[in-house]
Amino acid sequence: MFSLYNFIQLNNYEIMNENDYKLASAEWGKYVSDYPRIANLIPTNYIFELSSEQIGKIMEHNKYADVCAEVGVYNGSMVLIFLPLDAQGHVDKSVVEYQYTTLEPLKYDLRLQETKEFTVTKNAVLSSNLTKVDGNTNTSVPVSEQPVLDQDIAVEAIERWRDEGMEWFFRECNEFGGQRVFRRFYIPMEDLTHPNPEVLGIKCSFGLRHNDIYQRMLVTLIFISFHELLQEGTNQATISNTYDWAKPCPPVCRIPEIGS
């Protein structure tokens, strides 16, 4: 039984202890094969949120190339629990407080913005008597400095999750007994850290997308970041507030200690 008051909220982020993490993770294990319980737990239009303070704490305690977000059920709600990993991908037992975020309704409309700036280079060659002998114009598309998920693909995956997410769960629960339902997600570190422009916060939505390797639809997490300088248009690189998706486990389970 979870207490309604055994979590701490500081500076807009929440933490739980190791025992609560284990209970929450085990509770999700009871849901994965029970479609009616999942349908009541996960409205497909709900999202997760991460504040800049919480992102900083997650990064501070994670030394591995990927961040691991364990799925749990805590105080009757779905949560993502961020496990502190050492450089080898093992859970760092010296960290006793785990950051987490709760699935909740979206309070405001989300504006997805992708800005591409192009450089036009115009060349002209004048002869010694000032006669134009050659000329051309080149338009160059910048190479993004950040891992960008194309906005149209992101929107399509989010809309497919909203419209077909429960159908995905129904099939997984009834045909496969929940064995293929995700238990955790692996998130590349660079998807959470963007020093310039600064990330003020991240909203995270489930998405549903076909995977060519596994030849089936997989659930992913799509991170929508909000930048301090997003609309100023001063950077010649591509700036986007939509980034890569996380890898679900199963089937993609590659972290040494908890990946099996």
C-alpha atoms as a PDB file:
ATOM      1  CA  MET A   1       0.000   0.000   0.000  1.00  0.00           C
ATOM      2  CA  PHE A   2       1.458   3.367  -1.024  1.00  0.00           C
ATOM      3  CA  SER A   3       1.111   6.351   1.251  1.00  0.00           C
ATOM      4  CA  LEU A   4      -0.230   9.519  -0.324  1.00  0.00           C
ATOM      5  CA  TYR A   5       2.383  11.523   1.525  1.00  0.00           C
ATOM      6  CA  ASN A   6       5.599   9.506   1.240  1.00  0.00           C
ATOM      7  CA  PHE A   7       7.079  11.559  -1.568  1.00  0.00           C
ATOM      8  CA  ILE A   8       8.994  14.836  -1.412  1.00  0.00           C
ATOM      9  CA  GLN A   9       8.516  17.681  -3.860  1.00  0.00           C
ATOM     10  CA  LEU A  10      11.297  20.254  -4.077  1.00  0.00           C
ATOM     11  CA  ASN A  11      11.763  23.005  -6.672  1.00  0.00           C
ATOM     12  CA  ASN A  12       9.164  21.484  -8.989  1.00  0.00           C
ATOM     13  CA  TYR A  13      10.636  17.986  -9.016  1.00  0.00           C
ATOM     14  CA  GLU A  14       9.864  14.826  -7.116  1.00  0.00           C
ATOM     15  CA  ILE A  15      12.079  12.197  -5.505  1.00  0.00           C
ATOM     16  CA  MET A  16      11.462   8.763  -4.010  1.00  0.00           C
ATOM     17  CA  ASN A  17      13.582   6.325  -2.044  1.00  0.00           C
ATOM     18  CA  GLU A  18      14.832   2.933  -3.193  1.00  0.00           C
ATOM     19  CA  ASN A  19      12.064   0.992  -1.456  1.00  0.00           C
ATOM     20  CA  ASP A  20       9.335   3.077  -3.091  1.00  0.00           C
ATOM     21  CA  TYR A  21      11.060   2.612  -6.451  1.00  0.00           C
ATOM     22  CA  LYS A  22      11.022  -1.171  -6.069  1.00  0.00           C
ATOM     23  CA  LEU A  23       7.359  -1.164  -5.036  1.00  0.00           C
ATOM     24  CA  ALA A  24       6.378   1.090  -7.940  1.00  0.00           C
ATOM     25  CA  SER A  25       8.275  -1.040 -10.451  1.00  0.00           C
ATOM     26  CA  ALA A  26       6.733  -4.245  -9.124  1.00  0.00           C
ATOM     27  CA  GLU A  27       3.291  -2.660  -9.302  1.00  0.00           C
ATOM     28  CA  TRP A  28       3.704  -1.909 -13.022  1.00  0.00           C
ATOM     29  CA  GLY A  29       4.649  -5.570 -13.458  1.00  0.00           C
ATOM     30  CA  LYS A  30       1.147  -6.449 -12.236  1.00  0.00           C
ATOM     31  CA  TYR A  31      -0.438  -4.195 -14.862  1.00  0.00           C
ATOM     32  CA  VAL A  32       1.336  -5.235 -18.053  1.00  0.00           C
ATOM     33  CA  SER A  33      -0.900  -8.245 -18.768  1.00  0.00           C
ATOM     34  CA  ASP A  34      -4.151  -6.669 -17.529  1.00  0.00           C
ATOM     35  CA  TYR A  35      -5.656  -4.530 -20.262  1.00  0.00           C
ATOM     36  CA  PRO A  36      -8.613  -3.100 -18.263  1.00  0.00           C
ATOM     37  CA  ARG A  37      -6.233  -1.839 -15.562  1.00  0.00           C
ATOM     38  CA  ILE A  38      -3.910  -0.315 -18.163  1.00  0.00           C
ATOM     39  CA  ALA A  39      -6.837   1.414 -19.887  1.00  0.00           C
ATOM     40  CA  ASN A  40      -7.789   3.043 -16.579  1.00  0.00           C
ATOM     41  CA  LEU A  41      -4.192   3.977 -15.760  1.00  0.00           C
ATOM     42  CA  ILE A  42      -3.003   5.545 -19.026  1.00  0.00           C
ATOM     43  CA  PRO A  43      -5.079   8.186 -20.800  1.00  0.00           C
ATOM     44  CA  THR A  44      -3.388   8.480 -24.186  1.00  0.00           C
ATOM     45  CA  ASN A  45      -3.514  12.299 -24.084  1.00  0.00           C
ATOM     46  CA  TYR A  46      -1.468  12.560 -20.844  1.00  0.00           C
ATOM     47  CA  ILE A  47       2.215  13.491 -20.733  1.00  0.00           C
ATOM     48  CA  PHE A  48       5.256  13.600 -18.434  1.00  0.00           C
ATOM     49  CA  GLU A  49       7.109  16.800 -17.546  1.00  0.00           C
ATOM     50  CA  LEU A  50      10.694  17.469 -16.466  1.00  0.00           C
ATOM     51  CA  SER A  51      11.818  20.820 -15.075  1.00  0.00           C
ATOM     52  CA  SER A  52      15.285  22.192 -15.703  1.00  0.00           C
ATOM     53  CA  GLU A  53      16.125  21.558 -12.038  1.00  0.00           C
ATOM     54  CA  GLN A  54      15.116  17.916 -12.334  1.00  0.00           C
ATOM     55  CA  ILE A  55      17.059  17.455 -15.567  1.00  0.00           C
ATOM     56  CA  GLY A  56      20.117  18.819 -13.769  1.00  0.00           C
ATOM     57  CA  LYS A  57      19.702  16.326 -10.929  1.00  0.00           C
ATOM     58  CA  ILE A  58      19.268  13.417 -13.334  1.00  0.00           C
ATOM     59  CA  MET A  59      22.432  14.392 -15.204  1.00  0.00           C
ATOM     60  CA  GLU A  60      24.370  14.900 -11.978  1.00  0.00           C
ATOM     61  CA  HIS A  61      23.812  11.302 -10.884  1.00  0.00           C
ATOM     62  CA  ASN A  62      24.061   9.568 -14.278  1.00  0.00           C
ATOM     63  CA  LYS A  63      27.506   8.662 -15.627  1.00  0.00           C
ATOM     64  CA  TYR A  64      26.414   6.288 -18.398  1.00  0.00           C
ATOM     65  CA  ALA A  65      25.854   7.151 -22.067  1.00  0.00           C
ATOM     66  CA  ASP A  66      22.121   6.459 -21.682  1.00  0.00           C
ATOM     67  CA  VAL A  67      19.656   7.472 -19.008  1.00  0.00           C
ATOM     68  CA  CYS A  68      17.344   4.707 -17.762  1.00  0.00           C
ATOM     69  CA  ALA A  69      13.734   5.615 -16.965  1.00  0.00           C
ATOM     70  CA  GLU A  70      11.980   2.744 -15.192  1.00  0.00           C
ATOM     71  CA  VAL A  71       8.191   2.581 -15.503  1.00  0.00           C
ATOM     72  CA  GLY A  72       6.243   2.310 -12.275  1.00  0.00           C
ATOM     73  CA  VAL A  73       2.840   2.783 -10.695  1.00  0.00           C
ATOM     74  CA  TYR A  74       2.989   5.081  -7.676  1.00  0.00           C
ATOM     75  CA  ASN A  75       0.058   6.438  -5.684  1.00  0.00           C
ATOM     76  CA  GLY A  76      -2.257   5.127  -8.399  1.00  0.00           C
ATOM     77  CA  SER A  77      -0.504   6.926 -11.268  1.00  0.00           C
ATOM     78  CA  MET A  78       2.029   5.914 -13.900  1.00  0.00           C
ATOM     79  CA  VAL A  79       5.490   7.315 -13.248  1.00  0.00           C
ATOM     80  CA  LEU A  80       8.930   7.367 -14.872  1.00  0.00           C
ATOM     81  CA  ILE A  81      11.698   6.749 -12.329  1.00  0.00           C
ATOM     82  CA  PHE A  82      15.191   7.809 -13.364  1.00  0.00           C
ATOM     83  CA  LEU A  83      17.780   5.319 -12.136  1.00  0.00           C
ATOM     84  CA  PRO A  84      21.289   6.653 -11.364  1.00  0.00           C
ATOM     85  CA  LEU A  85      23.792   4.664 -13.471  1.00  0.00           C
ATOM     86  CA  ASP A  86      27.551   4.521 -13.109  1.00  0.00           C
ATOM     87  CA  ALA A  87      29.978   4.587 -16.047  1.00  0.00           C
ATOM     88  CA  GLN A  88      29.528   0.819 -16.622  1.00  0.00           C
ATOM     89  CA  GLY A  89      25.724   1.000 -16.694  1.00  0.00           C
ATOM     90  CA  HIS A  90      25.132  -0.409 -13.208  1.00  0.00           C
ATOM     91  CA  VAL A  91      22.756   1.208 -10.720  1.00  0.00           C
ATOM     92  CA  ASP A  92      24.747   3.473  -8.413  1.00  0.00           C
ATOM     93  CA  LYS A  93      23.839   2.216  -4.936  1.00  0.00           C
ATOM     94  CA  SER A  94      25.368   5.287  -3.292  1.00  0.00           C
ATOM     95  CA  VAL A  95      22.484   7.408  -4.595  1.00  0.00           C
ATOM     96  CA  VAL A  96      19.502   6.975  -2.290  1.00  0.00           C
ATOM     97  CA  GLU A  97      17.031   9.401  -3.884  1.00  0.00           C
ATOM     98  CA  TYR A  98      15.499   8.707  -7.285  1.00  0.00           C
ATOM     99  CA  GLN A  99      14.042  11.424  -9.502  1.00  0.00           C
ATOM    100  CA  TYR A 100      10.634  10.669 -10.977  1.00  0.00           C
ATOM    101  CA  THR A 101       7.836  12.315 -12.944  1.00  0.00           C
ATOM    102  CA  THR A 102       4.127  11.492 -13.053  1.00  0.00           C
ATOM    103  CA  LEU A 103       1.893  11.013 -16.092  1.00  0.00           C
ATOM    104  CA  GLU A 104      -0.589  13.890 -16.009  1.00  0.00           C
ATOM    105  CA  PRO A 105      -2.929  15.928 -18.209  1.00  0.00           C
ATOM    106  CA  LEU A 106      -1.449  18.540 -20.511  1.00  0.00           C
ATOM    107  CA  LYS A 107      -2.349  21.928 -19.047  1.00  0.00           C
ATOM    108  CA  TYR A 108      -1.688  24.034 -22.129  1.00  0.00           C
ATOM    109  CA  ASP A 109      -1.394  23.573 -25.879  1.00  0.00           C
ATOM    110  CA  LEU A 110       2.034  22.455 -27.061  1.00  0.00           C
ATOM    111  CA  ARG A 111       3.677  24.537 -29.743  1.00  0.00           C
ATOM    112  CA  LEU A 112       6.123  22.526 -31.820  1.00  0.00           C
ATOM    113  CA  GLN A 113       8.526  24.779 -33.629  1.00  0.00           C
ATOM    114  CA  GLU A 114      11.229  23.829 -36.095  1.00  0.00           C
ATOM    115  CA  THR A 115      13.306  26.616 -37.627  1.00  0.00           C
ATOM    116  CA  LYS A 116      15.705  26.135 -40.520  1.00  0.00           C
ATOM    117  CA  GLU A 117      17.919  28.950 -41.701  1.00  0.00           C
ATOM    118  CA  PHE A 118      19.618  28.791 -45.109  1.00  0.00           C
ATOM    119  CA  THR A 119      22.814  30.454 -46.286  1.00  0.00           C
ATOM    120  CA  VAL A 120      22.848  31.775 -49.845  1.00  0.00           C
ATOM    121  CA  THR A 121      26.321  32.154 -51.333  1.00  0.00           C
ATOM    122  CA  LYS A 122      26.588  34.121 -54.575  1.00  0.00           C
ATOM    123  CA  ASN A 123      29.873  34.027 -56.496  1.00  0.00           C
ATOM    124  CA  ALA A 124      31.015  36.265 -59.322  1.00  0.00           C
ATOM    125  CA  VAL A 125      34.306  36.375 -61.246  1.00  0.00           C
ATOM    126  CA  LEU A 126      35.447  39.528 -62.990  1.00  0.00           C
ATOM    127  CA  SER A 127      38.194  39.496 -65.626  1.00  0.00           C
ATOM    128  CA  SER A 128      41.085  41.916 -65.605  1.00  0.00           C
ATOM    129  CA  ASN A 129      39.043  44.358 -67.686  1.00  0.00           C
ATOM    130  CA  LEU A 130      36.126  44.092 -65.205  1.00  0.00           C
ATOM    131  CA  THR A 131      34.008  41.851 -67.409  1.00  0.00           C
ATOM    132  CA  LYS A 132      31.961  39.153 -65.632  1.00  0.00           C
ATOM    133  CA  VAL A 133      33.206  35.794 -66.836  1.00  0.00           C
ATOM    134  CA  ASP A 134      31.643  33.426 -64.314  1.00  0.00           C
ATOM    135  CA  GLY A 135      29.006  33.324 -61.607  1.00  0.00           C
ATOM    136  CA  ASN A 136      26.880  30.954 -59.578  1.00  0.00           C
ATOM    137  CA  THR A 137      24.592  30.848 -56.589  1.00  0.00           C
ATOM    138  CA  ASN A 138      24.633  28.120 -53.952  1.00  0.00           C
ATOM    139  CA  THR A 139      22.078  27.535 -51.231  1.00  0.00           C
ATOM    140  CA  SER A 140      23.362  25.477 -48.306  1.00  0.00           C
ATOM    141  CA  VAL A 141      21.221  23.677 -45.749  1.00  0.00           C
ATOM    142  CA  PRO A 142      22.820  23.710 -42.287  1.00  0.00           C
ATOM    143  CA  VAL A 143      23.795  20.494 -40.581  1.00  0.00           C
ATOM    144  CA  SER A 144      22.062  20.331 -37.243  1.00  0.00           C
ATOM    145  CA  GLU A 145      24.261  20.488 -34.175  1.00  0.00           C
ATOM    146  CA  GLN A 146      21.661  18.581 -32.152  1.00  0.00           C
ATOM    147  CA  PRO A 147      19.906  15.227 -32.630  1.00  0.00           C
ATOM    148  CA  VAL A 148      16.660  16.434 -34.186  1.00  0.00           C
ATOM    149  CA  LEU A 149      13.546  14.355 -34.669  1.00  0.00           C
ATOM    150  CA  ASP A 150      11.710  15.688 -37.692  1.00  0.00           C
ATOM    151  CA  GLN A 151       8.634  17.531 -36.481  1.00  0.00           C
ATOM    152  CA  ASP A 152       6.224  15.818 -38.865  1.00  0.00           C
ATOM    153  CA  ILE A 153       7.424  12.375 -37.768  1.00  0.00           C
ATOM    154  CA  ALA A 154       7.057  13.356 -34.109  1.00  0.00           C
ATOM    155  CA  VAL A 155       3.524  14.643 -34.570  1.00  0.00           C
ATOM    156  CA  GLU A 156       2.527  11.536 -36.515  1.00  0.00           C
ATOM    157  CA  ALA A 157       3.879   9.231 -33.786  1.00  0.00           C
ATOM    158  CA  ILE A 158       2.109  11.178 -31.029  1.00  0.00           C
ATOM    159  CA  GLU A 159      -1.192  11.195 -32.908  1.00  0.00           C
ATOM    160  CA  ARG A 160      -0.900   7.478 -33.631  1.00  0.00           C
ATOM    161  CA  TRP A 161      -0.345   6.838 -29.916  1.00  0.00           C
ATOM    162  CA  ARG A 162      -3.412   8.909 -29.047  1.00  0.00           C
ATOM    163  CA  ASP A 163      -5.582   7.093 -31.602  1.00  0.00           C
ATOM    164  CA  GLU A 164      -4.152   3.553 -31.460  1.00  0.00           C
ATOM    165  CA  GLY A 165      -2.283   3.269 -28.156  1.00  0.00           C
ATOM    166  CA  MET A 166      -5.019   1.308 -26.415  1.00  0.00           C
ATOM    167  CA  GLU A 167      -5.340  -1.028 -29.391  1.00  0.00           C
ATOM    168  CA  TRP A 168      -1.599  -1.706 -29.072  1.00  0.00           C
ATOM    169  CA  PHE A 169      -1.989  -2.553 -25.375  1.00  0.00           C
ATOM    170  CA  PHE A 170      -5.059  -4.739 -26.060  1.00  0.00           C
ATOM    171  CA  ARG A 171      -3.126  -6.874 -28.544  1.00  0.00           C
ATOM    172  CA  GLU A 172      -0.026  -7.091 -26.361  1.00  0.00           C
ATOM    173  CA  CYS A 173      -2.038  -8.100 -23.292  1.00  0.00           C
ATOM    174  CA  ASN A 174      -4.302 -10.605 -24.990  1.00  0.00           C
ATOM    175  CA  GLU A 175      -1.966 -12.204 -27.530  1.00  0.00           C
ATOM    176  CA  PHE A 176       1.359 -12.040 -25.679  1.00  0.00           C
ATOM    177  CA  GLY A 177       0.381 -11.859 -22.015  1.00  0.00           C
ATOM    178  CA  GLY A 178       2.131  -8.512 -21.555  1.00  0.00           C
ATOM    179  CA  GLN A 179       5.589 -10.025 -22.094  1.00  0.00           C
ATOM    180  CA  ARG A 180       6.429  -7.470 -24.808  1.00  0.00           C
ATOM    181  CA  VAL A 181       5.093  -4.414 -22.955  1.00  0.00           C
ATOM    182  CA  PHE A 182       7.826  -1.924 -22.012  1.00  0.00           C
ATOM    183  CA  ARG A 183       9.252  -1.963 -18.458  1.00  0.00           C
ATOM    184  CA  ARG A 184      11.742   0.874 -18.947  1.00  0.00           C
ATOM    185  CA  PHE A 185      13.117   3.274 -21.538  1.00  0.00           C
ATOM    186  CA  TYR A 186      16.672   4.161 -22.482  1.00  0.00           C
ATOM    187  CA  ILE A 187      17.246   7.799 -23.325  1.00  0.00           C
ATOM    188  CA  PRO A 188      20.455   9.122 -24.922  1.00  0.00           C
ATOM    189  CA  MET A 189      22.076  11.673 -22.610  1.00  0.00           C
ATOM    190  CA  GLU A 190      22.204  14.268 -25.384  1.00  0.00           C
ATOM    191  CA  ASP A 191      18.413  14.229 -25.605  1.00  0.00           C
ATOM    192  CA  LEU A 192      18.244  15.760 -22.122  1.00  0.00           C
ATOM    193  CA  THR A 193      21.241  18.110 -22.292  1.00  0.00           C
ATOM    194  CA  HIS A 194      21.338  21.037 -24.697  1.00  0.00           C
ATOM    195  CA  PRO A 195      23.591  23.758 -23.251  1.00  0.00           C
ATOM    196  CA  ASN A 196      22.974  26.284 -26.019  1.00  0.00           C
ATOM    197  CA  PRO A 197      20.256  27.392 -26.110  1.00  0.00           C
ATOM    198  CA  GLU A 198      19.386  26.475 -22.544  1.00  0.00           C
ATOM    199  CA  VAL A 199      16.569  23.992 -21.982  1.00  0.00           C
ATOM    200  CA  LEU A 200      14.029  25.409 -19.551  1.00  0.00           C
ATOM    201  CA  GLY A 201      12.009  22.206 -19.334  1.00  0.00           C
ATOM    202  CA  ILE A 202      10.872  19.139 -21.237  1.00  0.00           C
ATOM    203  CA  LYS A 203       7.452  17.690 -21.905  1.00  0.00           C
ATOM    204  CA  CYS A 204       7.481  14.018 -22.791  1.00  0.00           C
ATOM    205  CA  SER A 205       4.786  12.208 -24.761  1.00  0.00           C
ATOM    206  CA  PHE A 206       4.379   8.581 -25.661  1.00  0.00           C
ATOM    207  CA  GLY A 207       4.525   7.858 -29.360  1.00  0.00           C
ATOM    208  CA  LEU A 208       3.791   4.809 -31.494  1.00  0.00           C
ATOM    209  CA  ARG A 209       6.001   4.045 -34.462  1.00  0.00           C
ATOM    210  CA  HIS A 210       6.881   1.095 -36.677  1.00  0.00           C
ATOM    211  CA  ASN A 211      10.346  -0.373 -36.150  1.00  0.00           C
ATOM    212  CA  ASP A 212      11.917  -1.948 -39.226  1.00  0.00           C
ATOM    213  CA  ILE A 213      14.307  -4.138 -37.197  1.00  0.00           C
ATOM    214  CA  TYR A 214      11.597  -5.770 -35.078  1.00  0.00           C
ATOM    215  CA  GLN A 215       8.949  -5.512 -37.808  1.00  0.00           C
ATOM    216  CA  ARG A 216       6.243  -4.268 -35.467  1.00  0.00           C
ATOM    217  CA  MET A 217       4.884  -1.175 -33.791  1.00  0.00           C
ATOM    218  CA  LEU A 218       6.870  -0.058 -30.737  1.00  0.00           C
ATOM    219  CA  VAL A 219       6.056   2.521 -28.092  1.00  0.00           C
ATOM    220  CA  THR A 220       8.594   5.307 -27.707  1.00  0.00           C
ATOM    221  CA  LEU A 221       8.980   8.469 -25.642  1.00  0.00           C
ATOM    222  CA  ILE A 222       9.273  11.749 -27.536  1.00  0.00           C
ATOM    223  CA  PHE A 223      10.909  14.688 -25.794  1.00  0.00           C
ATOM    224  CA  ILE A 224       9.607  18.189 -26.518  1.00  0.00           C
ATOM    225  CA  SER A 225      12.045  20.728 -25.118  1.00  0.00           C
ATOM    226  CA  PHE A 226      11.537  24.417 -24.508  1.00  0.00           C
ATOM    227  CA  HIS A 227      14.496  26.694 -25.191  1.00  0.00           C
ATOM    228  CA  GLU A 228      15.201  30.135 -23.821  1.00  0.00           C
ATOM    229  CA  LEU A 229      16.364  31.365 -27.241  1.00  0.00           C
ATOM    230  CA  LEU A 230      14.064  29.285 -29.411  1.00  0.00           C
ATOM    231  CA  GLN A 231      12.360  32.147 -31.252  1.00  0.00           C
ATOM    232  CA  GLU A 232      15.170  34.685 -31.492  1.00  0.00           C
ATOM    233  CA  GLY A 233      16.572  33.241 -34.720  1.00  0.00           C
ATOM    234  CA  THR A 234      20.181  34.118 -33.963  1.00  0.00           C
ATOM    235  CA  ASN A 235      21.698  30.673 -34.511  1.00  0.00           C
ATOM    236  CA  GLN A 236      22.493  29.548 -38.062  1.00  0.00           C
ATOM    237  CA  ALA A 237      22.162  25.900 -37.119  1.00  0.00           C
ATOM    238  CA  THR A 238      18.783  24.154 -37.083  1.00  0.00           C
ATOM    239  CA  ILE A 239      16.946  24.796 -33.827  1.00  0.00           C
ATOM    240  CA  SER A 240      14.062  22.543 -32.908  1.00  0.00           C
ATOM    241  CA  ASN A 241      12.118  21.845 -29.752  1.00  0.00           C
ATOM    242  CA  THR A 242      11.460  18.225 -30.687  1.00  0.00           C
ATOM    243  CA  TYR A 243      14.164  15.619 -30.154  1.00  0.00           C
ATOM    244  CA  ASP A 244      14.878  11.914 -30.578  1.00  0.00           C
ATOM    245  CA  TRP A 245      12.801   9.184 -29.042  1.00  0.00           C
ATOM    246  CA  ALA A 246      13.772   6.793 -26.276  1.00  0.00           C
ATOM    247  CA  LYS A 247      14.249   3.050 -26.812  1.00  0.00           C
ATOM    248  CA  PRO A 248      11.761   0.759 -25.051  1.00  0.00           C
ATOM    249  CA  CYS A 249      12.862  -2.308 -23.098  1.00  0.00           C
ATOM    250  CA  PRO A 250      11.680  -4.819 -24.088  1.00  0.00           C
ATOM    251  CA  PRO A 251      12.725  -5.300 -26.814  1.00  0.00           C
ATOM    252  CA  VAL A 252      15.806  -3.030 -26.744  1.00  0.00           C
ATOM    253  CA  CYS A 253      17.511  -4.087 -23.491  1.00  0.00           C
ATOM    254  CA  ARG A 254      21.224  -3.333 -23.489  1.00  0.00           C
ATOM    255  CA  ILE A 255      22.191  -1.799 -20.141  1.00  0.00           C
ATOM    256  CA  PRO A 256      24.435  -4.357 -18.355  1.00  0.00           C
ATOM    257  CA  GLU A 257      22.815  -4.788 -14.953  1.00  0.00           C
ATOM    258  CA  ILE A 258      19.145  -4.104 -15.652  1.00  0.00           C
ATOM    259  CA  GLY A 259      18.940  -4.773 -19.363  1.00  0.00           C
ATOM    260  CA  SER A 260      18.123  -8.467 -19.269  1.00  0.00           C
END
